[in-house]
Amino acid sequence: MCFGRAAIALWLAAALAWSAPTAAGELGPVPEPDSYWVGPINGPVPATLRGAQVIDARGLARLIERGGAVIVDVSNLPRRPEGLGADVLWAPPPHLGIPGSHWIPGVGLGVLPASADAHFRHELLALTGESRHRPLAIYCHERCWLSWNAAKRAVAYGYRSTYWFPGGIEGWRAAGYRTAVISATPER
């Protein structure tokens, strides 16, 4: 596909406008992709997610206080550090999450293996009591696309009360809320 210089210049200007630093030093608005994000998982995320409600730490705390909401952490599993010898024992650090949340790692990727997709569907059905109207809040880390992709996927599965918490566990702690050690739900 060939592009003329004018088209390339227009594309570059749009890309720079989206990524230009603001007065606060942050990146400009990130457009919401039409599909799942397949780029780097850490970086600026959109402020919106079609079909879901974006929620902040205080709103998430209120949702939890009301009861009945399912809270899901989709952070990846920690990896063994590169270069660590095979003879060195290594154990992943404890995973801190929002108290009462369910950790389902590996389901926030842009391209999801069929087994991970089936696992995520199964876990959401089990956690919500097969109610696609039960409040479902999804988070991971701040400036991370995993929760955006997973929440988008939940919306695509038909969950009508999906909340996306882009502040992640860092935003939760910064707002003064406590954390708890949670364990990952193994893929079946």
N, C-alpha and C. Protein backbone atom coordinates (compact mmCIF):
# COMPACT_ATOMS: atom_id res chain seq x y z
N MET A 1 0.85 -1.16 0.00
CA MET A 1 0.00 0.00 0.00
C MET A 1 0.90 1.23 0.00
N CYS A 2 0.66 2.13 -0.91
CA CYS A 2 1.47 3.36 -1.01
C CYS A 2 0.68 4.54 -0.48
N PHE A 3 1.38 5.41 0.20
CA PHE A 3 0.77 6.63 0.72
C PHE A 3 1.54 7.81 0.16
N GLY A 4 0.83 8.86 -0.17
CA GLY A 4 1.47 10.08 -0.61
C GLY A 4 2.05 10.82 0.58
N ARG A 5 2.90 11.78 0.29
CA ARG A 5 3.53 12.56 1.36
C ARG A 5 2.50 13.29 2.22
N ALA A 6 1.45 13.78 1.60
CA ALA A 6 0.42 14.51 2.35
C ALA A 6 -0.27 13.58 3.34
N ALA A 7 -0.57 12.35 2.89
CA ALA A 7 -1.24 11.38 3.79
C ALA A 7 -0.33 11.00 4.94
N ILE A 8 0.95 10.81 4.67
CA ILE A 8 1.91 10.47 5.72
C ILE A 8 2.05 11.63 6.70
N ALA A 9 2.13 12.85 6.17
CA ALA A 9 2.25 14.02 7.04
C ALA A 9 1.02 14.16 7.92
N LEU A 10 -0.17 13.92 7.37
CA LEU A 10 -1.40 14.00 8.15
C LEU A 10 -1.42 12.93 9.24
N TRP A 11 -1.02 11.71 8.89
CA TRP A 11 -0.96 10.63 9.87
C TRP A 11 0.02 10.96 10.99
N LEU A 12 1.20 11.46 10.65
CA LEU A 12 2.20 11.83 11.65
C LEU A 12 1.70 12.94 12.56
N ALA A 13 1.03 13.93 11.98
CA ALA A 13 0.50 15.03 12.79
C ALA A 13 -0.53 14.52 13.78
N ALA A 14 -1.40 13.60 13.34
CA ALA A 14 -2.40 13.02 14.24
C ALA A 14 -1.73 12.21 15.34
N ALA A 15 -0.75 11.41 14.98
CA ALA A 15 -0.04 10.60 15.98
C ALA A 15 0.67 11.48 17.00
N LEU A 16 1.29 12.54 16.54
CA LEU A 16 1.97 13.45 17.46
C LEU A 16 0.97 14.17 18.36
N ALA A 17 -0.18 14.53 17.82
CA ALA A 17 -1.19 15.22 18.64
C ALA A 17 -1.68 14.30 19.75
N TRP A 18 -1.86 13.02 19.44
CA TRP A 18 -2.32 12.07 20.46
C TRP A 18 -1.25 11.82 21.50
N SER A 19 0.01 11.91 21.12
CA SER A 19 1.07 11.56 22.06
C SER A 19 1.83 12.78 22.58
N ALA A 20 1.40 13.97 22.22
CA ALA A 20 2.12 15.17 22.67
C ALA A 20 1.93 15.38 24.17
N PRO A 21 3.00 15.71 24.88
CA PRO A 21 2.86 15.96 26.32
C PRO A 21 1.96 17.16 26.58
N THR A 22 1.19 17.05 27.64
CA THR A 22 0.34 18.17 28.06
C THR A 22 1.15 19.03 29.02
N ALA A 23 0.53 20.08 29.52
CA ALA A 23 1.22 20.98 30.45
C ALA A 23 1.66 20.24 31.70
N ALA A 24 0.92 19.19 32.08
CA ALA A 24 1.26 18.43 33.29
C ALA A 24 2.35 17.40 33.01
N GLY A 25 2.80 17.30 31.76
CA GLY A 25 3.85 16.34 31.43
C GLY A 25 3.31 14.96 31.04
N GLU A 26 2.00 14.78 31.07
CA GLU A 26 1.42 13.51 30.69
C GLU A 26 1.18 13.49 29.18
N LEU A 27 0.94 12.31 28.67
CA LEU A 27 0.61 12.19 27.26
C LEU A 27 -0.81 12.67 27.02
N GLY A 28 -1.07 13.09 25.81
CA GLY A 28 -2.41 13.55 25.46
C GLY A 28 -3.39 12.39 25.45
N PRO A 29 -4.64 12.66 25.11
CA PRO A 29 -5.67 11.62 25.14
C PRO A 29 -5.31 10.45 24.23
N VAL A 30 -5.59 9.26 24.72
CA VAL A 30 -5.36 8.04 23.95
C VAL A 30 -6.70 7.62 23.36
N PRO A 31 -6.78 7.47 22.05
CA PRO A 31 -8.06 7.06 21.46
C PRO A 31 -8.37 5.61 21.81
N GLU A 32 -9.64 5.33 21.97
CA GLU A 32 -10.07 3.98 22.27
C GLU A 32 -10.01 3.13 21.00
N PRO A 33 -9.25 2.05 21.01
CA PRO A 33 -9.19 1.20 19.80
C PRO A 33 -10.53 0.52 19.53
N ASP A 34 -10.76 0.16 18.29
CA ASP A 34 -12.00 -0.55 17.94
C ASP A 34 -11.97 -1.99 18.41
N SER A 35 -10.78 -2.56 18.49
CA SER A 35 -10.64 -3.95 18.90
C SER A 35 -9.76 -4.01 20.14
N TYR A 36 -9.28 -5.19 20.46
CA TYR A 36 -8.40 -5.34 21.62
C TYR A 36 -7.03 -4.74 21.32
N TRP A 37 -6.40 -4.22 22.35
CA TRP A 37 -5.08 -3.61 22.21
C TRP A 37 -4.03 -4.72 22.13
N VAL A 38 -3.19 -4.67 21.08
CA VAL A 38 -2.16 -5.69 20.90
C VAL A 38 -0.76 -5.11 21.00
N GLY A 39 -0.65 -3.83 21.33
CA GLY A 39 0.65 -3.20 21.48
C GLY A 39 1.23 -3.49 22.86
N PRO A 40 2.23 -2.70 23.26
CA PRO A 40 2.82 -2.88 24.59
C PRO A 40 1.75 -2.75 25.68
N ILE A 41 1.81 -3.61 26.69
CA ILE A 41 0.74 -3.60 27.70
C ILE A 41 0.87 -2.45 28.68
N ASN A 42 2.06 -1.91 28.86
CA ASN A 42 2.24 -0.80 29.80
C ASN A 42 2.37 0.51 29.04
N GLY A 43 1.54 1.46 29.39
CA GLY A 43 1.56 2.77 28.76
C GLY A 43 0.22 3.44 28.95
N PRO A 44 0.09 4.63 28.41
CA PRO A 44 -1.17 5.36 28.54
C PRO A 44 -2.35 4.56 27.97
N VAL A 45 -3.48 4.64 28.64
CA VAL A 45 -4.69 3.94 28.23
C VAL A 45 -5.78 4.97 27.95
N PRO A 46 -6.83 4.58 27.24
CA PRO A 46 -7.93 5.51 27.00
C PRO A 46 -8.66 5.86 28.30
N ALA A 47 -9.42 6.90 28.27
CA ALA A 47 -10.24 7.30 29.42
C ALA A 47 -11.61 6.64 29.35
N THR A 48 -11.87 5.92 28.28
CA THR A 48 -13.19 5.33 28.06
C THR A 48 -13.08 3.86 27.67
N LEU A 49 -14.20 3.18 27.79
CA LEU A 49 -14.32 1.81 27.31
C LEU A 49 -15.79 1.60 26.95
N ARG A 50 -16.07 1.58 25.65
CA ARG A 50 -17.45 1.43 25.19
C ARG A 50 -18.10 0.18 25.79
N GLY A 51 -19.29 0.36 26.35
CA GLY A 51 -20.04 -0.75 26.93
C GLY A 51 -19.76 -0.97 28.40
N ALA A 52 -18.74 -0.30 28.94
CA ALA A 52 -18.40 -0.44 30.36
C ALA A 52 -18.40 0.93 31.01
N GLN A 53 -18.47 0.94 32.32
CA GLN A 53 -18.37 2.19 33.07
C GLN A 53 -16.96 2.29 33.64
N VAL A 54 -16.33 3.43 33.44
CA VAL A 54 -15.01 3.66 34.02
C VAL A 54 -15.24 4.13 35.45
N ILE A 55 -14.49 3.57 36.38
CA ILE A 55 -14.70 3.83 37.80
C ILE A 55 -13.37 4.21 38.45
N ASP A 56 -13.44 5.09 39.44
CA ASP A 56 -12.22 5.44 40.19
C ASP A 56 -12.21 4.65 41.50
N ALA A 57 -11.16 4.83 42.30
CA ALA A 57 -11.00 4.06 43.54
C ALA A 57 -12.18 4.28 44.50
N ARG A 58 -12.60 5.50 44.64
CA ARG A 58 -13.71 5.79 45.55
C ARG A 58 -15.00 5.13 45.06
N GLY A 59 -15.26 5.21 43.77
CA GLY A 59 -16.44 4.57 43.20
C GLY A 59 -16.39 3.06 43.35
N LEU A 60 -15.19 2.49 43.18
CA LEU A 60 -15.03 1.04 43.34
C LEU A 60 -15.26 0.65 44.81
N ALA A 61 -14.75 1.44 45.73
CA ALA A 61 -14.97 1.16 47.15
C ALA A 61 -16.47 1.18 47.48
N ARG A 62 -17.21 2.14 46.91
CA ARG A 62 -18.66 2.21 47.14
C ARG A 62 -19.36 0.99 46.53
N LEU A 63 -18.91 0.58 45.35
CA LEU A 63 -19.48 -0.60 44.69
C LEU A 63 -19.28 -1.84 45.57
N ILE A 64 -18.08 -1.97 46.14
CA ILE A 64 -17.78 -3.11 47.01
C ILE A 64 -18.63 -3.04 48.29
N GLU A 65 -18.77 -1.85 48.86
CA GLU A 65 -19.55 -1.68 50.09
C GLU A 65 -21.01 -2.07 49.90
N ARG A 66 -21.56 -1.81 48.71
CA ARG A 66 -22.96 -2.16 48.43
C ARG A 66 -23.16 -3.67 48.43
N GLY A 67 -22.09 -4.41 48.15
CA GLY A 67 -22.16 -5.87 48.13
C GLY A 67 -22.63 -6.42 46.80
N GLY A 68 -22.28 -7.66 46.56
CA GLY A 68 -22.73 -8.36 45.36
C GLY A 68 -21.86 -8.20 44.13
N ALA A 69 -20.92 -7.27 44.15
CA ALA A 69 -20.07 -7.06 42.98
C ALA A 69 -18.95 -8.11 42.95
N VAL A 70 -18.58 -8.50 41.77
CA VAL A 70 -17.45 -9.40 41.56
C VAL A 70 -16.28 -8.54 41.11
N ILE A 71 -15.16 -8.63 41.83
CA ILE A 71 -13.98 -7.83 41.53
C ILE A 71 -12.91 -8.78 41.00
N VAL A 72 -12.37 -8.46 39.82
CA VAL A 72 -11.41 -9.35 39.16
C VAL A 72 -10.12 -8.62 38.83
N ASP A 73 -9.02 -9.19 39.28
CA ASP A 73 -7.66 -8.72 38.98
C ASP A 73 -7.15 -9.57 37.82
N VAL A 74 -6.72 -8.93 36.74
CA VAL A 74 -6.23 -9.67 35.58
C VAL A 74 -4.72 -9.48 35.36
N SER A 75 -4.02 -9.08 36.42
CA SER A 75 -2.56 -8.92 36.31
C SER A 75 -1.93 -10.24 35.90
N ASN A 76 -0.85 -10.13 35.14
CA ASN A 76 -0.11 -11.33 34.74
C ASN A 76 0.59 -11.96 35.93
N LEU A 77 0.91 -13.24 35.80
CA LEU A 77 1.72 -13.92 36.81
C LEU A 77 3.14 -13.37 36.74
N PRO A 78 3.82 -13.27 37.88
CA PRO A 78 5.22 -12.83 37.83
C PRO A 78 6.08 -13.91 37.16
N ARG A 79 7.14 -13.45 36.51
CA ARG A 79 8.05 -14.38 35.83
C ARG A 79 9.34 -14.52 36.61
N ARG A 80 9.93 -15.67 36.48
CA ARG A 80 11.24 -15.91 37.08
C ARG A 80 12.21 -14.92 36.44
N PRO A 81 13.01 -14.21 37.25
CA PRO A 81 13.95 -13.24 36.69
C PRO A 81 14.92 -13.88 35.69
N GLU A 82 15.13 -13.17 34.57
CA GLU A 82 16.07 -13.66 33.56
C GLU A 82 17.47 -13.72 34.16
N GLY A 83 18.22 -14.71 33.77
CA GLY A 83 19.61 -14.83 34.20
C GLY A 83 19.75 -15.49 35.57
N LEU A 84 18.64 -15.80 36.21
CA LEU A 84 18.72 -16.46 37.50
C LEU A 84 19.02 -17.93 37.24
N GLY A 85 20.10 -18.42 37.80
CA GLY A 85 20.52 -19.79 37.55
C GLY A 85 19.47 -20.81 37.93
N ALA A 86 19.48 -21.93 37.22
CA ALA A 86 18.53 -23.00 37.48
C ALA A 86 18.71 -23.58 38.88
N ASP A 87 19.90 -23.42 39.44
CA ASP A 87 20.18 -23.96 40.77
C ASP A 87 19.71 -23.02 41.89
N VAL A 88 19.23 -21.84 41.52
CA VAL A 88 18.77 -20.87 42.51
C VAL A 88 17.27 -21.03 42.70
N LEU A 89 16.87 -21.22 43.95
CA LEU A 89 15.45 -21.33 44.24
C LEU A 89 14.81 -19.96 44.09
N TRP A 90 13.64 -19.94 43.49
CA TRP A 90 12.91 -18.68 43.31
C TRP A 90 11.44 -18.93 43.58
N ALA A 91 10.85 -18.06 44.32
CA ALA A 91 9.41 -18.10 44.55
C ALA A 91 8.86 -16.72 44.22
N PRO A 92 7.73 -16.66 43.53
CA PRO A 92 7.16 -15.35 43.22
C PRO A 92 6.77 -14.63 44.51
N PRO A 93 6.84 -13.30 44.49
CA PRO A 93 6.43 -12.54 45.67
C PRO A 93 4.92 -12.67 45.88
N PRO A 94 4.45 -12.44 47.10
CA PRO A 94 2.99 -12.45 47.33
C PRO A 94 2.33 -11.41 46.42
N HIS A 95 1.16 -11.75 45.92
CA HIS A 95 0.42 -10.85 45.03
C HIS A 95 -0.60 -10.07 45.84
N LEU A 96 -0.43 -8.75 45.88
CA LEU A 96 -1.37 -7.89 46.59
C LEU A 96 -2.50 -7.46 45.66
N GLY A 97 -3.70 -7.59 46.15
CA GLY A 97 -4.87 -7.19 45.38
C GLY A 97 -5.89 -6.51 46.27
N ILE A 98 -6.98 -6.14 45.67
CA ILE A 98 -8.10 -5.56 46.41
C ILE A 98 -8.73 -6.69 47.21
N PRO A 99 -8.93 -6.51 48.52
CA PRO A 99 -9.51 -7.58 49.33
C PRO A 99 -10.80 -8.14 48.72
N GLY A 100 -10.88 -9.46 48.66
CA GLY A 100 -12.05 -10.12 48.10
C GLY A 100 -12.04 -10.27 46.60
N SER A 101 -11.01 -9.74 45.94
CA SER A 101 -10.97 -9.87 44.48
C SER A 101 -10.46 -11.24 44.06
N HIS A 102 -10.75 -11.59 42.84
CA HIS A 102 -10.36 -12.87 42.26
C HIS A 102 -9.30 -12.58 41.20
N TRP A 103 -8.17 -13.27 41.30
CA TRP A 103 -7.05 -13.04 40.37
C TRP A 103 -7.10 -14.08 39.26
N ILE A 104 -7.36 -13.60 38.05
CA ILE A 104 -7.41 -14.48 36.87
C ILE A 104 -6.35 -13.97 35.89
N PRO A 105 -5.11 -14.43 36.03
CA PRO A 105 -4.04 -13.94 35.15
C PRO A 105 -4.14 -14.50 33.73
N GLY A 106 -3.51 -13.77 32.80
CA GLY A 106 -3.40 -14.25 31.42
C GLY A 106 -4.61 -14.03 30.55
N VAL A 107 -5.60 -13.25 31.01
CA VAL A 107 -6.81 -13.07 30.22
C VAL A 107 -6.97 -11.65 29.67
N GLY A 108 -5.93 -10.83 29.85
CA GLY A 108 -6.00 -9.45 29.37
C GLY A 108 -5.19 -9.19 28.12
N LEU A 109 -4.62 -10.22 27.55
CA LEU A 109 -3.84 -10.03 26.33
C LEU A 109 -4.74 -9.63 25.18
N GLY A 110 -4.18 -8.96 24.19
CA GLY A 110 -4.96 -8.56 23.02
C GLY A 110 -5.39 -9.74 22.19
N VAL A 111 -4.51 -10.70 22.05
CA VAL A 111 -4.82 -11.95 21.35
C VAL A 111 -4.79 -13.04 22.42
N LEU A 112 -5.92 -13.64 22.65
CA LEU A 112 -6.06 -14.59 23.74
C LEU A 112 -6.13 -16.02 23.18
N PRO A 113 -5.27 -16.92 23.68
CA PRO A 113 -5.38 -18.33 23.26
C PRO A 113 -6.77 -18.86 23.61
N ALA A 114 -7.26 -19.79 22.83
CA ALA A 114 -8.61 -20.34 23.03
C ALA A 114 -8.79 -20.89 24.44
N SER A 115 -7.76 -21.52 24.99
CA SER A 115 -7.88 -22.09 26.34
C SER A 115 -8.04 -20.98 27.38
N ALA A 116 -7.33 -19.87 27.23
CA ALA A 116 -7.45 -18.75 28.17
C ALA A 116 -8.82 -18.08 28.04
N ASP A 117 -9.32 -17.98 26.81
CA ASP A 117 -10.64 -17.40 26.58
C ASP A 117 -11.71 -18.27 27.25
N ALA A 118 -11.62 -19.58 27.07
CA ALA A 118 -12.58 -20.50 27.69
C ALA A 118 -12.48 -20.42 29.22
N HIS A 119 -11.27 -20.32 29.74
CA HIS A 119 -11.05 -20.20 31.19
C HIS A 119 -11.70 -18.92 31.73
N PHE A 120 -11.49 -17.80 31.05
CA PHE A 120 -12.05 -16.54 31.49
C PHE A 120 -13.58 -16.59 31.47
N ARG A 121 -14.14 -17.09 30.38
CA ARG A 121 -15.60 -17.23 30.29
C ARG A 121 -16.15 -18.07 31.44
N HIS A 122 -15.50 -19.21 31.67
CA HIS A 122 -15.94 -20.14 32.72
C HIS A 122 -15.87 -19.47 34.10
N GLU A 123 -14.75 -18.80 34.38
CA GLU A 123 -14.58 -18.17 35.69
C GLU A 123 -15.59 -17.05 35.90
N LEU A 124 -15.83 -16.24 34.88
CA LEU A 124 -16.81 -15.15 35.04
C LEU A 124 -18.21 -15.71 35.27
N LEU A 125 -18.57 -16.76 34.55
CA LEU A 125 -19.88 -17.38 34.78
C LEU A 125 -19.99 -17.90 36.21
N ALA A 126 -18.94 -18.58 36.69
CA ALA A 126 -18.96 -19.13 38.04
C ALA A 126 -19.01 -18.01 39.09
N LEU A 127 -18.19 -16.99 38.91
CA LEU A 127 -18.12 -15.90 39.90
C LEU A 127 -19.40 -15.07 39.97
N THR A 128 -20.06 -14.92 38.84
CA THR A 128 -21.28 -14.10 38.80
C THR A 128 -22.55 -14.92 39.00
N GLY A 129 -22.40 -16.21 39.24
CA GLY A 129 -23.60 -17.04 39.37
C GLY A 129 -24.38 -17.07 38.07
N GLU A 130 -23.66 -16.98 36.97
CA GLU A 130 -24.22 -16.97 35.61
C GLU A 130 -25.15 -15.79 35.35
N SER A 131 -24.98 -14.73 36.12
CA SER A 131 -25.79 -13.51 35.92
C SER A 131 -24.96 -12.47 35.18
N ARG A 132 -25.34 -12.19 33.97
CA ARG A 132 -24.61 -11.18 33.18
C ARG A 132 -25.02 -9.75 33.57
N HIS A 133 -25.89 -9.64 34.57
CA HIS A 133 -26.28 -8.32 35.08
C HIS A 133 -25.63 -8.01 36.42
N ARG A 134 -24.93 -8.96 36.99
CA ARG A 134 -24.25 -8.73 38.27
C ARG A 134 -23.08 -7.78 38.06
N PRO A 135 -22.88 -6.80 38.93
CA PRO A 135 -21.75 -5.88 38.76
C PRO A 135 -20.41 -6.63 38.74
N LEU A 136 -19.60 -6.29 37.76
CA LEU A 136 -18.32 -6.94 37.54
C LEU A 136 -17.28 -5.84 37.31
N ALA A 137 -16.31 -5.73 38.22
CA ALA A 137 -15.26 -4.71 38.10
C ALA A 137 -13.93 -5.38 37.81
N ILE A 138 -13.22 -4.85 36.82
CA ILE A 138 -11.96 -5.45 36.38
C ILE A 138 -10.84 -4.42 36.52
N TYR A 139 -9.69 -4.89 37.06
CA TYR A 139 -8.53 -4.02 37.24
C TYR A 139 -7.24 -4.83 37.09
N CYS A 140 -6.13 -4.14 37.01
CA CYS A 140 -4.80 -4.75 37.12
C CYS A 140 -3.88 -3.69 37.69
N HIS A 141 -3.11 -3.03 36.83
CA HIS A 141 -2.18 -1.98 37.26
C HIS A 141 -2.52 -0.68 36.55
N GLU A 142 -2.01 0.43 37.09
CA GLU A 142 -2.22 1.70 36.41
C GLU A 142 -1.44 1.69 35.10
N ARG A 143 -1.95 2.40 34.14
CA ARG A 143 -1.30 2.51 32.82
C ARG A 143 -1.01 1.13 32.23
N CYS A 144 -2.01 0.26 32.30
CA CYS A 144 -1.86 -1.11 31.81
C CYS A 144 -3.09 -1.49 30.99
N TRP A 145 -2.85 -2.04 29.82
CA TRP A 145 -3.92 -2.41 28.91
C TRP A 145 -4.59 -3.74 29.24
N LEU A 146 -4.01 -4.54 30.13
CA LEU A 146 -4.58 -5.86 30.41
C LEU A 146 -6.02 -5.74 30.92
N SER A 147 -6.26 -4.81 31.85
CA SER A 147 -7.61 -4.68 32.39
C SER A 147 -8.57 -4.09 31.35
N TRP A 148 -8.06 -3.20 30.50
CA TRP A 148 -8.91 -2.63 29.45
C TRP A 148 -9.37 -3.75 28.52
N ASN A 149 -8.42 -4.58 28.06
CA ASN A 149 -8.77 -5.69 27.18
C ASN A 149 -9.73 -6.67 27.85
N ALA A 150 -9.46 -7.01 29.12
CA ALA A 150 -10.31 -7.98 29.82
C ALA A 150 -11.72 -7.42 30.03
N ALA A 151 -11.83 -6.15 30.39
CA ALA A 151 -13.15 -5.55 30.56
C ALA A 151 -13.89 -5.48 29.22
N LYS A 152 -13.17 -5.17 28.16
CA LYS A 152 -13.78 -5.15 26.82
C LYS A 152 -14.28 -6.55 26.46
N ARG A 153 -13.49 -7.55 26.83
CA ARG A 153 -13.86 -8.94 26.56
C ARG A 153 -15.12 -9.30 27.37
N ALA A 154 -15.20 -8.88 28.63
CA ALA A 154 -16.39 -9.16 29.45
C ALA A 154 -17.63 -8.52 28.82
N VAL A 155 -17.48 -7.30 28.31
CA VAL A 155 -18.60 -6.65 27.62
C VAL A 155 -19.00 -7.49 26.40
N ALA A 156 -18.02 -7.97 25.65
CA ALA A 156 -18.31 -8.79 24.47
C ALA A 156 -18.98 -10.11 24.86
N TYR A 157 -18.68 -10.63 26.05
CA TYR A 157 -19.33 -11.85 26.55
C TYR A 157 -20.78 -11.58 26.97
N GLY A 158 -21.17 -10.33 27.05
CA GLY A 158 -22.55 -10.00 27.38
C GLY A 158 -22.77 -9.48 28.79
N TYR A 159 -21.69 -9.18 29.52
CA TYR A 159 -21.86 -8.65 30.88
C TYR A 159 -22.30 -7.19 30.78
N ARG A 160 -23.48 -6.89 31.33
CA ARG A 160 -24.12 -5.58 31.17
C ARG A 160 -23.75 -4.56 32.24
N SER A 161 -23.13 -5.01 33.34
CA SER A 161 -22.75 -4.10 34.42
C SER A 161 -21.25 -4.21 34.65
N THR A 162 -20.50 -3.99 33.57
CA THR A 162 -19.04 -4.10 33.65
C THR A 162 -18.45 -2.75 34.01
N TYR A 163 -17.54 -2.78 34.98
CA TYR A 163 -16.81 -1.60 35.41
C TYR A 163 -15.33 -1.83 35.14
N TRP A 164 -14.67 -0.79 34.65
CA TRP A 164 -13.23 -0.85 34.43
C TRP A 164 -12.56 0.14 35.38
N PHE A 165 -11.61 -0.36 36.16
CA PHE A 165 -10.88 0.48 37.11
C PHE A 165 -9.45 0.66 36.58
N PRO A 166 -9.20 1.72 35.80
CA PRO A 166 -7.87 1.92 35.19
C PRO A 166 -6.79 2.31 36.20
N GLY A 167 -7.17 2.75 37.39
CA GLY A 167 -6.17 3.14 38.40
C GLY A 167 -5.38 1.95 38.91
N GLY A 168 -5.93 0.77 38.78
CA GLY A 168 -5.25 -0.45 39.20
C GLY A 168 -4.94 -0.48 40.68
N ILE A 169 -4.17 -1.48 41.06
CA ILE A 169 -3.84 -1.64 42.47
C ILE A 169 -3.06 -0.45 43.00
N GLU A 170 -2.28 0.21 42.15
CA GLU A 170 -1.53 1.40 42.58
C GLU A 170 -2.49 2.54 42.93
N GLY A 171 -3.51 2.73 42.12
CA GLY A 171 -4.51 3.76 42.39
C GLY A 171 -5.33 3.44 43.64
N TRP A 172 -5.59 2.18 43.85
CA TRP A 172 -6.32 1.74 45.04
C TRP A 172 -5.53 2.08 46.30
N ARG A 173 -4.24 1.72 46.29
CA ARG A 173 -3.38 2.01 47.46
C ARG A 173 -3.20 3.52 47.65
N ALA A 174 -3.01 4.25 46.55
CA ALA A 174 -2.81 5.71 46.64
C ALA A 174 -4.03 6.40 47.24
N ALA A 175 -5.21 5.81 47.05
CA ALA A 175 -6.44 6.38 47.61
C ALA A 175 -6.60 6.01 49.09
N GLY A 176 -5.66 5.24 49.63
CA GLY A 176 -5.69 4.91 51.05
C GLY A 176 -6.42 3.63 51.41
N TYR A 177 -6.78 2.83 50.43
CA TYR A 177 -7.49 1.59 50.73
C TYR A 177 -6.50 0.45 50.97
N ARG A 178 -6.92 -0.50 51.78
CA ARG A 178 -6.04 -1.60 52.12
C ARG A 178 -6.00 -2.65 51.01
N THR A 179 -4.97 -3.48 51.07
CA THR A 179 -4.80 -4.58 50.11
C THR A 179 -4.74 -5.89 50.88
N ALA A 180 -4.79 -6.98 50.16
CA ALA A 180 -4.68 -8.31 50.75
C ALA A 180 -3.93 -9.20 49.77
N VAL A 181 -3.28 -10.21 50.29
CA VAL A 181 -2.62 -11.19 49.43
C VAL A 181 -3.70 -12.07 48.82
N ILE A 182 -3.67 -12.19 47.49
CA ILE A 182 -4.64 -13.05 46.80
C ILE A 182 -3.89 -14.05 45.96
N SER A 183 -4.54 -15.16 45.66
CA SER A 183 -3.93 -16.22 44.87
C SER A 183 -4.59 -16.32 43.50
N ALA A 184 -3.81 -16.73 42.53
CA ALA A 184 -4.32 -16.85 41.16
C ALA A 184 -5.28 -18.03 41.04
N THR A 185 -6.28 -17.84 40.19
CA THR A 185 -7.20 -18.92 39.84
C THR A 185 -6.53 -19.75 38.75
N PRO A 186 -6.22 -21.01 39.01
CA PRO A 186 -5.53 -21.81 37.99
C PRO A 186 -6.43 -22.08 36.79
N GLU A 187 -5.80 -22.12 35.62
CA GLU A 187 -6.54 -22.46 34.41
C GLU A 187 -6.86 -23.94 34.46
N ARG A 188 -8.09 -24.28 34.14
CA ARG A 188 -8.52 -25.70 34.20
C ARG A 188 -8.34 -26.37 32.87
